[in-house]
Protein backbone atom coordinates (compact mmCIF):
# COMPACT_ATOMS: atom_id res chain seq x y z
CA MET A 1 44.75 25.70 90.31
CA TRP A 2 41.87 25.91 92.59
CA LEU A 3 41.91 27.19 96.05
CA PRO A 4 40.98 25.89 99.64
CA LYS A 5 37.55 26.66 100.38
CA SER A 6 37.79 29.95 103.10
CA ARG A 7 36.49 29.56 106.38
CA ARG A 8 35.64 32.23 108.68
CA THR A 9 36.41 32.14 112.11
CA ASP A 10 33.30 30.89 113.26
CA GLY A 11 34.07 27.76 111.04
CA SER A 12 31.21 28.58 108.53
CA ALA A 13 32.42 29.49 104.62
CA ASP A 14 31.43 32.81 103.31
CA ILE A 15 31.27 32.62 99.01
CA ALA A 16 31.83 36.30 98.91
CA GLU A 17 35.64 35.89 100.62
CA GLN A 18 36.30 33.27 99.01
CA SER A 19 37.83 35.29 95.59
CA SER A 20 39.64 37.68 97.71
CA ALA A 21 43.35 37.22 98.00
CA GLN A 22 42.66 39.03 101.27
CA TYR A 23 40.76 35.94 103.14
CA ARG A 24 42.82 33.30 100.86
CA GLN A 25 44.25 30.57 104.14
CA SER A 26 47.54 28.89 104.37
CA VAL A 27 46.16 25.93 105.12
CA LEU A 28 48.00 23.61 103.13
CA VAL A 29 51.34 22.99 104.59
CA ASN A 30 53.30 20.88 105.98
CA GLU A 31 51.56 17.26 106.32
CA VAL A 32 48.53 18.53 104.89
CA ALA A 33 50.29 19.72 101.96
CA SER A 34 51.87 15.84 101.42
CA ARG A 35 49.06 14.30 102.28
CA VAL A 36 47.20 15.89 99.24
CA ARG A 37 50.06 15.43 97.00
CA SER A 38 49.47 11.88 97.27
CA ILE A 39 46.00 11.91 97.22
CA LEU A 40 46.40 13.67 94.13
CA HIS A 41 48.91 10.98 92.64
CA GLU A 42 46.35 8.29 93.75
CA ILE A 43 43.61 9.58 91.32
CA ALA A 44 45.75 10.44 89.16
CA ASP A 45 46.60 5.98 88.56
CA ASP A 46 43.20 5.39 89.13
CA LYS A 47 42.01 7.57 86.51
CA GLY A 48 44.64 6.74 84.20
CA VAL A 49 46.24 10.54 83.86
CA GLU A 50 49.39 11.63 84.05
CA ILE A 51 50.51 14.55 86.04
CA LEU A 52 53.68 16.38 84.70
CA ASP A 53 54.06 18.94 87.36
CA LEU A 54 52.43 19.39 90.88
CA THR A 55 52.69 21.80 93.26
CA VAL A 56 50.77 22.66 96.57
CA GLN A 57 51.06 25.78 97.58
CA PRO A 58 50.26 26.99 101.58
CA ASP A 59 46.71 28.38 99.82
CA HIS A 60 46.18 27.17 96.21
CA VAL A 61 47.08 23.94 93.99
CA HIS A 62 48.95 24.24 91.08
CA LEU A 63 48.76 20.80 88.25
CA PHE A 64 49.94 20.12 85.52
CA VAL A 65 48.55 16.91 83.72
CA SER A 66 48.68 14.64 80.29
CA SER A 67 45.16 13.41 79.72
CA PRO A 68 43.68 11.71 76.68
CA PRO A 69 40.92 14.25 75.02
CA LYS A 70 38.01 12.25 75.87
CA ASN A 71 38.65 14.10 79.33
CA GLU A 72 37.81 17.89 79.16
CA PRO A 73 39.00 19.89 81.85
CA ALA A 74 35.47 20.23 83.45
CA LEU A 75 36.13 16.58 84.51
CA LEU A 76 39.44 16.76 85.68
CA ALA A 77 38.56 19.17 87.80
CA ASN A 78 35.70 17.30 89.00
CA TRP A 79 37.99 14.48 89.79
CA PHE A 80 40.96 16.04 91.17
CA LYS A 81 38.95 18.59 93.45
CA GLY A 82 35.79 16.00 94.71
CA ILE A 83 38.08 12.73 95.41
CA SER A 84 40.75 14.38 96.99
CA SER A 85 38.27 16.59 99.63
CA ARG A 86 36.69 12.84 99.65
CA LYS A 87 39.38 11.07 100.16
CA TYR A 88 41.00 13.59 102.25
CA ASN A 89 38.57 13.68 104.94
CA HIS A 90 37.28 10.35 105.25
CA ARG A 91 41.16 9.55 106.07
CA TYR A 92 42.00 12.06 107.74
CA ALA A 93 39.55 14.27 109.47
CA ASP A 94 39.33 12.76 112.88
CA HIS A 95 43.14 13.51 113.62
CA LYS A 96 42.52 17.53 114.85
CA GLY A 97 38.94 18.00 113.24
CA GLU A 98 41.22 19.04 109.56
CA LYS A 99 38.74 18.52 107.19
CA ILE A 100 39.77 19.86 103.27
CA GLY A 101 36.89 21.46 101.23
CA TRP A 102 37.34 23.22 97.86
CA ALA A 103 36.17 26.78 96.90
CA ARG A 104 33.97 26.90 94.02
CA GLY A 105 35.97 27.17 90.48
CA TYR A 106 39.28 26.41 88.83
CA TYR A 107 40.98 27.71 86.18
CA ALA A 108 42.30 25.19 83.75
CA GLY A 109 44.31 25.93 80.62
CA THR A 110 45.40 23.78 78.02
CA ALA A 111 49.35 23.95 76.75
CA GLY A 112 48.15 23.72 72.63
CA HIS A 113 49.71 27.17 72.32
CA VAL A 114 52.76 27.33 74.90
CA SER A 115 55.15 24.54 75.20
CA SER A 116 54.94 22.00 77.89
CA GLU A 117 58.44 23.33 79.31
CA THR A 118 56.81 26.88 79.75
CA VAL A 119 54.02 25.54 81.83
CA GLU A 120 56.60 23.24 83.93
CA ASN A 121 58.70 26.54 84.58
CA TYR A 122 56.02 28.83 85.40
CA ILE A 123 54.99 25.73 88.18
CA GLN A 124 58.46 25.45 89.56
CA GLU A 125 58.85 29.30 89.68
CA HIS A 126 56.32 28.88 92.23
CA LYS A 127 57.65 26.17 94.13
CA LYS A 128 59.89 27.99 95.59
CA GLY A 129 57.16 28.86 98.31
CA ASP A 130 56.04 25.07 98.53
CA SER A 131 55.60 23.39 101.52
């Protein structure tokens, strides 16, 4: 799970504001959300990782993947966040100047102590507001 980078009204990022829910912005909507979903699937295909479930909420992304043990969570987060931001901005930044950047950090957990079904149910519950 990770968040889009917070932007102040002058367009600059404010690190102190990024973790506050009050400043979370709903930028992942409509065509932007669809493009992000598509890019995340491309990355998974390129890296040999299976996306079990994916939800792009207006202000965060939930991603449930199956990956070989050699791919540690930090590497997976680096791939999905870094590559998706670069691909999105390369392809779409000229359209209305909409750039995507991700806030520092992410949450990663393993499904080792809970069933895949439990994790998928959690993500499905969050899809109710999925754009």
